[in-house]
C-alpha atoms as a PDB file:
ATOM      1  CA  MET A   1       0.000   0.000   0.000  1.00  0.00           C
ATOM      2  CA  ALA A   2       1.303   3.491  -0.921  1.00  0.00           C
ATOM      3  CA  GLN A   3       2.259   5.854   1.876  1.00  0.00           C
ATOM      4  CA  ALA A   4      -0.648   8.001   3.065  1.00  0.00           C
ATOM      5  CA  TRP A   5      -0.532  11.644   4.132  1.00  0.00           C
ATOM      6  CA  LYS A   6      -2.919  13.965   5.967  1.00  0.00           C
ATOM      7  CA  CYS A   7      -3.359  17.446   4.540  1.00  0.00           C
ATOM      8  CA  THR A   8      -3.706  20.303   7.021  1.00  0.00           C
ATOM      9  CA  GLY A   9      -4.761  22.834   4.399  1.00  0.00           C
ATOM     10  CA  LEU A  10      -3.570  25.331   1.809  1.00  0.00           C
ATOM     11  CA  ARG A  11      -1.335  28.160   2.999  1.00  0.00           C
ATOM     12  CA  TRP A  12      -0.365  31.361   1.224  1.00  0.00           C
ATOM     13  CA  SER A  13       3.034  32.995   1.740  1.00  0.00           C
ATOM     14  CA  GLY A  14       5.423  35.255  -0.130  1.00  0.00           C
ATOM     15  CA  ASP A  15       6.484  32.197  -2.121  1.00  0.00           C
ATOM     16  CA  GLY A  16       2.908  31.518  -3.271  1.00  0.00           C
ATOM     17  CA  PRO A  17       0.392  28.817  -2.333  1.00  0.00           C
ATOM     18  CA  ALA A  18       1.340  25.427  -0.912  1.00  0.00           C
ATOM     19  CA  LEU A  19      -0.443  22.417   0.540  1.00  0.00           C
ATOM     20  CA  VAL A  20       0.743  21.679   4.074  1.00  0.00           C
ATOM     21  CA  TRP A  21       0.884  18.126   5.433  1.00  0.00           C
ATOM     22  CA  ASP A  22       1.117  16.639   8.916  1.00  0.00           C
ATOM     23  CA  GLY A  23       4.712  17.058  10.062  1.00  0.00           C
ATOM     24  CA  GLY A  24       5.152  20.382   8.251  1.00  0.00           C
ATOM     25  CA  ARG A  25       6.004  19.120   4.767  1.00  0.00           C
ATOM     26  CA  ARG A  26       4.833  21.478   2.003  1.00  0.00           C
ATOM     27  CA  SER A  27       3.911  20.945  -1.639  1.00  0.00           C
ATOM     28  CA  ALA A  28       4.233  24.129  -3.709  1.00  0.00           C
ATOM     29  CA  LEU A  29       1.298  24.777  -6.035  1.00  0.00           C
ATOM     30  CA  HIS A  30       2.640  26.450  -9.164  1.00  0.00           C
ATOM     31  CA  ARG A  31       0.553  26.715 -12.312  1.00  0.00           C
ATOM     32  CA  GLY A  32       1.189  23.906 -14.774  1.00  0.00           C
ATOM     33  CA  LYS A  33       1.851  21.424 -11.972  1.00  0.00           C
ATOM     34  CA  ARG A  34       0.410  17.944 -12.375  1.00  0.00           C
ATOM     35  CA  VAL A  35      -2.009  17.168  -9.542  1.00  0.00           C
ATOM     36  CA  ALA A  36      -2.737  13.493  -8.817  1.00  0.00           C
ATOM     37  CA  PHE A  37      -3.975  12.075  -5.521  1.00  0.00           C
ATOM     38  CA  GLY A  38      -6.645   9.838  -4.086  1.00  0.00           C
ATOM     39  CA  VAL A  39      -8.371   9.027  -0.822  1.00  0.00           C
ATOM     40  CA  VAL A  40      -7.292   5.767   0.790  1.00  0.00           C
ATOM     41  CA  ASP A  41      -9.852   3.090  -0.068  1.00  0.00           C
ATOM     42  CA  GLY A  42     -11.912   2.250   3.002  1.00  0.00           C
ATOM     43  CA  GLY A  43     -10.749   5.375   4.828  1.00  0.00           C
ATOM     44  CA  VAL A  44     -12.886   7.713   6.937  1.00  0.00           C
ATOM     45  CA  ARG A  45     -12.679  11.457   7.430  1.00  0.00           C
ATOM     46  CA  THR A  46     -11.853  12.442  10.998  1.00  0.00           C
ATOM     47  CA  CYS A  47     -12.073  15.744  12.862  1.00  0.00           C
ATOM     48  CA  VAL A  48      -8.980  17.950  12.550  1.00  0.00           C
ATOM     49  CA  GLY A  49      -9.304  19.281  16.110  1.00  0.00           C
ATOM     50  CA  ALA A  50      -9.129  22.913  17.199  1.00  0.00           C
ATOM     51  CA  ARG A  51      -6.575  25.572  18.084  1.00  0.00           C
ATOM     52  CA  GLY A  52      -3.662  23.209  17.411  1.00  0.00           C
ATOM     53  CA  HIS A  53      -5.051  20.384  19.565  1.00  0.00           C
ATOM     54  CA  PRO A  54      -6.183  17.027  18.139  1.00  0.00           C
ATOM     55  CA  CYS A  55      -9.805  15.942  18.502  1.00  0.00           C
ATOM     56  CA  PRO A  56      -9.939  13.814  21.687  1.00  0.00           C
ATOM     57  CA  THR A  57     -12.442  11.389  20.142  1.00  0.00           C
ATOM     58  CA  ARG A  58     -11.182  11.440  16.527  1.00  0.00           C
ATOM     59  CA  ALA A  59     -14.812  11.899  15.575  1.00  0.00           C
ATOM     60  CA  ARG A  60     -15.999  11.215  12.046  1.00  0.00           C
ATOM     61  CA  VAL A  61     -17.052  14.295  10.075  1.00  0.00           C
ATOM     62  CA  SER A  62     -19.070  14.857   6.908  1.00  0.00           C
ATOM     63  CA  GLY A  63     -17.250  14.732   3.591  1.00  0.00           C
ATOM     64  CA  ARG A  64     -18.977  17.973   2.586  1.00  0.00           C
ATOM     65  CA  SER A  65     -17.813  20.019   5.578  1.00  0.00           C
ATOM     66  CA  THR A  66     -15.211  22.661   4.716  1.00  0.00           C
ATOM     67  CA  GLY A  67     -14.340  22.997   8.407  1.00  0.00           C
ATOM     68  CA  ALA A  68     -13.713  19.262   9.001  1.00  0.00           C
ATOM     69  CA  ARG A  69     -14.499  19.649  12.702  1.00  0.00           C
ATOM     70  CA  CYS A  70     -16.895  17.848  14.977  1.00  0.00           C
ATOM     71  CA  GLU A  71     -19.450  19.930  16.870  1.00  0.00           C
ATOM     72  CA  GLU A  72     -17.347  20.212  20.029  1.00  0.00           C
ATOM     73  CA  CYS A  73     -14.111  21.170  18.248  1.00  0.00           C
ATOM     74  CA  ALA A  74     -15.989  23.686  16.083  1.00  0.00           C
ATOM     75  CA  ARG A  75     -17.385  25.284  19.241  1.00  0.00           C
ATOM     76  CA  LEU A  76     -13.905  25.468  20.777  1.00  0.00           C
ATOM     77  CA  ASP A  77     -12.433  26.960  17.616  1.00  0.00           C
ATOM     78  CA  ARG A  78     -15.066  29.694  17.430  1.00  0.00           C
ATOM     79  CA  ALA A  79     -14.706  30.468  21.138  1.00  0.00           C
ATOM     80  CA  HIS A  80     -11.210  31.816  20.387  1.00  0.00           C
ATOM     81  CA  SER A  81     -11.882  33.429  17.025  1.00  0.00           C
ATOM     82  CA  VAL A  82     -11.596  37.089  16.060  1.00  0.00           C
ATOM     83  CA  ALA A  83     -13.666  36.316  12.969  1.00  0.00           C
ATOM     84  CA  ALA A  84     -16.486  35.027  15.162  1.00  0.00           C
ATOM     85  CA  ASP A  85     -16.297  38.232  17.243  1.00  0.00           C
ATOM     86  CA  THR A  86     -15.614  36.309  20.460  1.00  0.00           C
ATOM     87  CA  ILE A  87     -12.382  38.124  21.361  1.00  0.00           C
ATOM     88  CA  ALA A  88     -12.513  41.757  22.462  1.00  0.00           C
ATOM     89  CA  ASP A  89      -9.175  42.237  24.247  1.00  0.00           C
ATOM     90  CA  ASP A  90      -6.649  41.446  21.497  1.00  0.00           C
ATOM     91  CA  PRO A  91      -3.995  44.185  21.865  1.00  0.00           C
ATOM     92  CA  ARG A  92      -2.711  43.883  18.287  1.00  0.00           C
ATOM     93  CA  PRO A  93      -3.482  46.588  15.699  1.00  0.00           C
ATOM     94  CA  TYR A  94      -5.892  45.625  12.912  1.00  0.00           C
ATOM     95  CA  HIS A  95      -6.386  46.629   9.305  1.00  0.00           C
ATOM     96  CA  VAL A  96      -9.837  47.346   7.913  1.00  0.00           C
ATOM     97  CA  TYR A  97      -9.944  46.443   4.227  1.00  0.00           C
ATOM     98  CA  LEU A  98     -12.174  46.461   1.154  1.00  0.00           C
ATOM     99  CA  ALA A  99     -12.013  43.285  -0.958  1.00  0.00           C
ATOM    100  CA  TRP A 100     -13.393  42.850  -4.494  1.00  0.00           C
ATOM    101  CA  PHE A 101     -14.235  39.453  -6.006  1.00  0.00           C
ATOM    102  CA  GLY A 102     -16.070  40.477  -9.186  1.00  0.00           C
ATOM    103  CA  PRO A 103     -18.522  43.093 -10.478  1.00  0.00           C
ATOM    104  CA  GLY A 104     -20.872  44.111  -7.672  1.00  0.00           C
ATOM    105  CA  MET A 105     -19.128  41.753  -5.224  1.00  0.00           C
ATOM    106  CA  ILE A 106     -17.244  43.822  -2.641  1.00  0.00           C
ATOM    107  CA  LYS A 107     -16.945  43.302   1.102  1.00  0.00           C
ATOM    108  CA  VAL A 108     -15.441  44.912   4.185  1.00  0.00           C
ATOM    109  CA  GLY A 109     -13.329  42.953   6.646  1.00  0.00           C
ATOM    110  CA  ILE A 110     -10.561  43.145   9.229  1.00  0.00           C
ATOM    111  CA  THR A 111      -7.252  41.352   9.638  1.00  0.00           C
ATOM    112  CA  ALA A 112      -4.355  41.650  12.079  1.00  0.00           C
ATOM    113  CA  LEU A 113      -1.751  44.160  10.861  1.00  0.00           C
ATOM    114  CA  GLU A 114       1.039  41.592  11.345  1.00  0.00           C
ATOM    115  CA  ARG A 115      -0.595  39.221   8.838  1.00  0.00           C
ATOM    116  CA  GLY A 116      -0.180  41.647   5.947  1.00  0.00           C
ATOM    117  CA  SER A 117      -2.210  40.619   2.899  1.00  0.00           C
ATOM    118  CA  ALA A 118      -2.319  36.879   3.749  1.00  0.00           C
ATOM    119  CA  ARG A 119      -6.006  37.029   4.701  1.00  0.00           C
ATOM    120  CA  LEU A 120      -6.897  38.538   1.326  1.00  0.00           C
ATOM    121  CA  LEU A 121      -5.032  35.774  -0.525  1.00  0.00           C
ATOM    122  CA  GLU A 122      -6.744  33.136   1.624  1.00  0.00           C
ATOM    123  CA  GLN A 123     -10.173  34.526   0.719  1.00  0.00           C
ATOM    124  CA  GLY A 124      -9.437  34.700  -2.994  1.00  0.00           C
ATOM    125  CA  ALA A 125      -9.813  38.495  -3.143  1.00  0.00           C
ATOM    126  CA  VAL A 126      -9.153  39.503  -6.744  1.00  0.00           C
ATOM    127  CA  CYS A 127      -8.406  43.095  -5.654  1.00  0.00           C
ATOM    128  CA  PHE A 128      -8.235  44.862  -2.292  1.00  0.00           C
ATOM    129  CA  SER A 129      -7.269  48.082  -0.579  1.00  0.00           C
ATOM    130  CA  TRP A 130      -6.653  48.989   3.048  1.00  0.00           C
ATOM    131  CA  LEU A 131      -9.208  51.377   4.481  1.00  0.00           C
ATOM    132  CA  GLY A 132      -7.853  52.062   7.973  1.00  0.00           C
ATOM    133  CA  VAL A 133      -5.768  50.736  10.857  1.00  0.00           C
ATOM    134  CA  GLY A 134      -6.253  50.789  14.625  1.00  0.00           C
ATOM    135  CA  PRO A 135      -7.255  48.766  17.705  1.00  0.00           C
ATOM    136  CA  LEU A 136      -9.475  45.701  17.267  1.00  0.00           C
ATOM    137  CA  MET A 137     -12.686  47.201  18.613  1.00  0.00           C
ATOM    138  CA  ALA A 138     -12.238  50.386  16.552  1.00  0.00           C
ATOM    139  CA  ALA A 139     -11.739  48.224  13.465  1.00  0.00           C
ATOM    140  CA  ARG A 140     -14.900  46.294  14.355  1.00  0.00           C
ATOM    141  CA  ARG A 141     -16.902  49.518  14.744  1.00  0.00           C
ATOM    142  CA  THR A 142     -15.682  50.747  11.360  1.00  0.00           C
ATOM    143  CA  GLU A 143     -16.690  47.457   9.772  1.00  0.00           C
ATOM    144  CA  GLU A 144     -20.164  47.831  11.315  1.00  0.00           C
ATOM    145  CA  LEU A 145     -20.346  51.463  10.166  1.00  0.00           C
ATOM    146  CA  LEU A 146     -19.868  50.445   6.538  1.00  0.00           C
ATOM    147  CA  ARG A 147     -22.391  47.639   6.818  1.00  0.00           C
ATOM    148  CA  ALA A 148     -25.019  49.961   8.274  1.00  0.00           C
ATOM    149  CA  ALA A 149     -24.377  53.142   6.287  1.00  0.00           C
ATOM    150  CA  LEU A 150     -23.319  51.752   2.901  1.00  0.00           C
ATOM    151  CA  LYS A 151     -24.859  48.242   3.006  1.00  0.00           C
ATOM    152  CA  VAL A 152     -21.447  46.627   2.455  1.00  0.00           C
ATOM    153  CA  PRO A 153     -21.463  42.932   3.462  1.00  0.00           C
ATOM    154  CA  ASP A 154     -18.739  41.315   5.545  1.00  0.00           C
ATOM    155  CA  ARG A 155     -19.078  37.944   3.773  1.00  0.00           C
ATOM    156  CA  ILE A 156     -19.430  36.748   0.182  1.00  0.00           C
ATOM    157  CA  PRO A 157     -20.109  33.031  -0.383  1.00  0.00           C
ATOM    158  CA  TYR A 158     -17.414  31.059  -2.185  1.00  0.00           C
ATOM    159  CA  ALA A 159     -20.034  29.824  -4.656  1.00  0.00           C
ATOM    160  CA  GLU A 160     -20.493  33.383  -5.879  1.00  0.00           C
ATOM    161  CA  LYS A 161     -16.736  34.007  -6.076  1.00  0.00           C
ATOM    162  CA  ARG A 162     -16.181  30.897  -8.197  1.00  0.00           C
ATOM    163  CA  ALA A 163     -19.015  31.726 -10.555  1.00  0.00           C
ATOM    164  CA  VAL A 164     -17.364  34.913 -11.885  1.00  0.00           C
ATOM    165  CA  ARG A 165     -13.617  34.145 -11.972  1.00  0.00           C
ATOM    166  CA  SER A 166     -13.547  33.258 -15.668  1.00  0.00           C
ATOM    167  CA  ALA A 167     -15.469  36.414 -16.666  1.00  0.00           C
ATOM    168  CA  LEU A 168     -13.650  39.222 -14.823  1.00  0.00           C
ATOM    169  CA  PRO A 169     -13.056  42.628 -16.460  1.00  0.00           C
ATOM    170  CA  ALA A 170     -10.009  42.546 -18.738  1.00  0.00           C
ATOM    171  CA  THR A 171      -8.073  45.518 -17.322  1.00  0.00           C
ATOM    172  CA  GLU A 172      -6.814  46.283 -13.842  1.00  0.00           C
ATOM    173  CA  ALA A 173      -8.366  49.753 -14.012  1.00  0.00           C
ATOM    174  CA  GLU A 174     -11.801  48.180 -14.498  1.00  0.00           C
ATOM    175  CA  ARG A 175     -11.236  45.659 -11.707  1.00  0.00           C
ATOM    176  CA  VAL A 176     -10.181  48.222  -9.078  1.00  0.00           C
ATOM    177  CA  ALA A 177     -12.729  50.907 -10.003  1.00  0.00           C
ATOM    178  CA  GLU A 178     -15.410  49.775  -7.523  1.00  0.00           C
ATOM    179  CA  ILE A 179     -12.890  49.710  -4.684  1.00  0.00           C
ATOM    180  CA  GLY A 180     -11.868  53.304  -5.434  1.00  0.00           C
ATOM    181  CA  GLU A 181     -15.460  54.502  -5.479  1.00  0.00           C
ATOM    182  CA  LEU A 182     -16.418  52.724  -2.260  1.00  0.00           C
ATOM    183  CA  HIS A 183     -13.210  53.825  -0.498  1.00  0.00           C
ATOM    184  CA  GLU A 184     -14.052  57.464  -1.258  1.00  0.00           C
ATOM    185  CA  ARG A 185     -17.581  57.078   0.128  1.00  0.00           C
ATOM    186  CA  ALA A 186     -16.346  55.192   3.212  1.00  0.00           C
ATOM    187  CA  VAL A 187     -13.717  57.701   4.357  1.00  0.00           C
ATOM    188  CA  ALA A 188     -16.271  60.518   3.969  1.00  0.00           C
ATOM    189  CA  LEU A 189     -18.657  58.923   6.484  1.00  0.00           C
ATOM    190  CA  ALA A 190     -19.206  60.550   9.836  1.00  0.00           C
ATOM    191  CA  GLY A 191     -18.819  58.378  12.902  1.00  0.00           C
ATOM    192  CA  TRP A 192     -15.379  56.865  12.344  1.00  0.00           C
ATOM    193  CA  PRO A 193     -13.729  55.831  15.643  1.00  0.00           C
ATOM    194  CA  GLU A 194     -11.088  58.403  16.630  1.00  0.00           C
ATOM    195  CA  SER A 195      -8.533  55.674  17.311  1.00  0.00           C
ATOM    196  CA  LEU A 196      -8.724  54.318  13.762  1.00  0.00           C
ATOM    197  CA  SER A 197      -6.489  55.997  11.168  1.00  0.00           C
ATOM    198  CA  ARG A 198      -7.745  56.242   7.607  1.00  0.00           C
ATOM    199  CA  LYS A 199      -5.474  54.753   4.933  1.00  0.00           C
ATOM    200  CA  PRO A 200      -5.228  56.027   1.338  1.00  0.00           C
ATOM    201  CA  CYS A 201      -6.767  53.977  -1.454  1.00  0.00           C
ATOM    202  CA  GLN A 202      -3.941  51.901  -2.955  1.00  0.00           C
ATOM    203  CA  PRO A 203      -5.581  48.912  -4.685  1.00  0.00           C
ATOM    204  CA  VAL A 204      -3.676  45.654  -5.079  1.00  0.00           C
ATOM    205  CA  ASP A 205      -4.645  43.290  -7.922  1.00  0.00           C
ATOM    206  CA  HIS A 206      -4.168  39.527  -7.380  1.00  0.00           C
ATOM    207  CA  THR A 207      -5.261  38.476 -10.878  1.00  0.00           C
ATOM    208  CA  GLY A 208      -1.720  37.551 -11.879  1.00  0.00           C
ATOM    209  CA  VAL A 209      -0.924  35.919  -8.528  1.00  0.00           C
ATOM    210  CA  PHE A 210      -3.965  33.630  -8.830  1.00  0.00           C
ATOM    211  CA  GLY A 211      -3.535  32.969 -12.565  1.00  0.00           C
ATOM    212  CA  LEU A 212      -6.959  34.292 -13.558  1.00  0.00           C
ATOM    213  CA  GLN A 213      -6.064  35.910 -16.894  1.00  0.00           C
ATOM    214  CA  GLY A 214      -7.800  33.975 -19.633  1.00  0.00           C
ATOM    215  CA  LEU A 215      -9.072  31.434 -17.133  1.00  0.00           C
ATOM    216  CA  PRO A 216     -11.353  28.871 -18.849  1.00  0.00           C
ATOM    217  CA  ALA A 217     -14.842  28.533 -17.413  1.00  0.00           C
ATOM    218  CA  ALA A 218     -15.075  25.591 -15.018  1.00  0.00           C
ATOM    219  CA  LEU A 219     -17.448  22.697 -15.554  1.00  0.00           C
ATOM    220  CA  GLY A 220     -18.255  22.502 -11.831  1.00  0.00           C
ATOM    221  CA  GLU A 221     -16.948  21.993  -8.324  1.00  0.00           C
ATOM    222  CA  VAL A 222     -16.033  18.926  -6.300  1.00  0.00           C
ATOM    223  CA  VAL A 223     -18.800  18.303  -3.767  1.00  0.00           C
ATOM    224  CA  GLU A 224     -16.851  16.002  -1.465  1.00  0.00           C
ATOM    225  CA  LEU A 225     -14.007  13.512  -1.375  1.00  0.00           C
ATOM    226  CA  VAL A 226     -14.885   9.838  -1.009  1.00  0.00           C
ATOM    227  CA  PRO A 227     -12.875   6.693  -0.127  1.00  0.00           C
ATOM    228  CA  GLY A 228     -11.196   5.284  -3.218  1.00  0.00           C
ATOM    229  CA  GLY A 229     -11.849   8.457  -5.233  1.00  0.00           C
ATOM    230  CA  THR A 230      -9.102  10.140  -7.264  1.00  0.00           C
ATOM    231  CA  VAL A 231      -8.267  13.378  -9.040  1.00  0.00           C
ATOM    232  CA  GLY A 232      -5.715  13.979 -11.753  1.00  0.00           C
ATOM    233  CA  GLY A 233      -4.967  16.897 -14.037  1.00  0.00           C
ATOM    234  CA  GLU A 234      -3.063  20.138 -14.618  1.00  0.00           C
ATOM    235  CA  LEU A 235      -3.270  22.995 -12.137  1.00  0.00           C
ATOM    236  CA  ILE A 236      -4.206  26.144 -14.068  1.00  0.00           C
ATOM    237  CA  ALA A 237      -5.126  28.567 -11.244  1.00  0.00           C
ATOM    238  CA  VAL A 238      -5.188  28.843  -7.442  1.00  0.00           C
ATOM    239  CA  ALA A 239      -7.480  31.418  -5.813  1.00  0.00           C
ATOM    240  CA  GLY A 240      -8.037  31.403  -2.060  1.00  0.00           C
ATOM    241  CA  PRO A 241      -8.503  27.743  -1.064  1.00  0.00           C
ATOM    242  CA  ASP A 242      -9.589  26.710  -4.579  1.00  0.00           C
ATOM    243  CA  LEU A 243      -7.614  24.718  -7.140  1.00  0.00           C
ATOM    244  CA  HIS A 244      -8.761  25.048 -10.756  1.00  0.00           C
ATOM    245  CA  ILE A 245      -7.712  21.770 -12.373  1.00  0.00           C
ATOM    246  CA  ALA A 246      -7.876  20.864 -16.075  1.00  0.00           C
ATOM    247  CA  ALA A 247      -8.967  17.239 -15.809  1.00  0.00           C
ATOM    248  CA  GLY A 248      -8.544  15.925 -19.337  1.00  0.00           C
ATOM    249  CA  ALA A 249     -11.614  15.568 -21.540  1.00  0.00           C
ATOM    250  CA  ARG A 250     -13.893  16.405 -18.631  1.00  0.00           C
ATOM    251  CA  GLY A 251     -12.750  20.013 -18.607  1.00  0.00           C
ATOM    252  CA  VAL A 252     -11.861  22.314 -15.700  1.00  0.00           C
ATOM    253  CA  VAL A 253     -13.108  21.430 -12.222  1.00  0.00           C
ATOM    254  CA  VAL A 254     -12.723  23.473  -9.017  1.00  0.00           C
ATOM    255  CA  LEU A 255     -11.492  21.676  -5.889  1.00  0.00           C
ATOM    256  CA  ASP A 256     -11.828  23.446  -2.523  1.00  0.00           C
ATOM    257  CA  THR A 257      -8.763  22.230  -0.628  1.00  0.00           C
ATOM    258  CA  ARG A 258     -10.640  22.557   2.667  1.00  0.00           C
ATOM    259  CA  LEU A 259     -12.449  19.358   1.619  1.00  0.00           C
ATOM    260  CA  MET A 260      -9.085  17.528   1.688  1.00  0.00           C
ATOM    261  CA  THR A 261      -8.437  17.950   5.419  1.00  0.00           C
ATOM    262  CA  GLY A 262      -9.199  15.017   7.715  1.00  0.00           C
ATOM    263  CA  TRP A 263      -8.669  12.380   5.004  1.00  0.00           C
ATOM    264  CA  GLN A 264      -5.801   9.934   4.508  1.00  0.00           C
ATOM    265  CA  LEU A 265      -4.542  10.776   1.008  1.00  0.00           C
ATOM    266  CA  CYS A 266      -2.271   8.780  -1.281  1.00  0.00           C
ATOM    267  CA  PRO A 267      -0.682   9.251  -4.735  1.00  0.00           C
ATOM    268  CA  GLY A 268      -3.209   8.966  -7.550  1.00  0.00           C
ATOM    269  CA  PRO A 269      -3.068   7.965 -11.213  1.00  0.00           C
ATOM    270  CA  GLY A 270      -1.188  10.327 -13.499  1.00  0.00           C
ATOM    271  CA  GLY A 271      -3.915  10.697 -16.129  1.00  0.00           C
ATOM    272  CA  GLY A 272      -6.505  13.440 -16.085  1.00  0.00           C
ATOM    273  CA  GLY A 273      -9.901  12.872 -14.562  1.00  0.00           C
ATOM    274  CA  PHE A 274     -12.105  12.967 -11.459  1.00  0.00           C
ATOM    275  CA  THR A 275     -13.911  10.164  -9.716  1.00  0.00           C
ATOM    276  CA  PHE A 276     -15.066  12.409  -6.859  1.00  0.00           C
ATOM    277  CA  PRO A 277     -18.661  13.712  -7.042  1.00  0.00           C
ATOM    278  CA  VAL A 278     -18.830  16.969  -9.020  1.00  0.00           C
ATOM    279  CA  ARG A 279     -21.697  19.468  -9.048  1.00  0.00           C
ATOM    280  CA  GLU A 280     -21.892  21.101 -12.461  1.00  0.00           C
ATOM    281  CA  PHE A 281     -22.276  24.844 -12.736  1.00  0.00           C
ATOM    282  CA  ARG A 282     -25.540  25.857 -14.360  1.00  0.00           C
ATOM    283  CA  VAL A 283     -25.086  27.602 -17.672  1.00  0.00           C
ATOM    284  CA  GLU A 284     -27.916  29.226 -19.604  1.00  0.00           C
ATOM    285  CA  ALA A 285     -27.614  30.677 -23.098  1.00  0.00           C
ATOM    286  CA  GLY A 286     -23.831  30.384 -22.893  1.00  0.00           C
ATOM    287  CA  VAL A 287     -23.562  32.463 -19.711  1.00  0.00           C
ATOM    288  CA  GLN A 288     -22.679  31.022 -16.346  1.00  0.00           C
ATOM    289  CA  ASP A 289     -25.198  32.419 -13.848  1.00  0.00           C
ATOM    290  CA  GLY A 290     -24.453  30.468 -10.681  1.00  0.00           C
ATOM    291  CA  LEU A 291     -23.691  27.143  -9.168  1.00  0.00           C
ATOM    292  CA  PHE A 292     -27.087  25.664  -8.361  1.00  0.00           C
END
């Protein structure tokens, strides 16, 4: 039997994206790379634990869960999460940012100053700009101000992000235009916390980093991994946690790497193809209008 590995997720760094495995080993994900792996036949998906601690019961989790945590570990993880708004006394400074994922798809969010732009890469933000910087609670209040005054959401579903990646505006000027407009409206609002400093609009475009220029439309997305299933093909783009893989005659399929965690994985066949369940994107009159 081939050696099996457990994936702990996709990580972005200055060197680009990489899959990280138990023990710290990394597999760089450069475009053009051949991707071929499978799930150990007869294997089960187990909880990945929380906050660096293994799940005490090694509980089984659903193949469709992107969190790969049992109920108890998920509760523990959220109990110590800035994103879940359960921490109010973090002394670190935070950035408030605007992130753009496609026409009409822009959100506000916060990330620790020390993390730089890693959070934006992890989310698959096509473009972004900083909006301000200050203490955590001031950053939170600014985020809430934009939601209330300008109706800017703090979340955009991954399904919506994937649906537009192959049809983004051709030029950087077009892609960053909405960020510039919203930034101008945001900094003009009354009610900004005094402890939060406004930042100038300096959009950053990740189109080249993700490999989205000329990206072919995807057939669909992997729904879940299953025991004995395999994937093989050429990696043509990586955006956030998503791998866009050209899988031979079947076309391009999107694999959310968060579905890989908790499984025992092994080398797969070298040829292109998927035997994991795939949900096809709905296309009407030649235009992709969503996933379902």
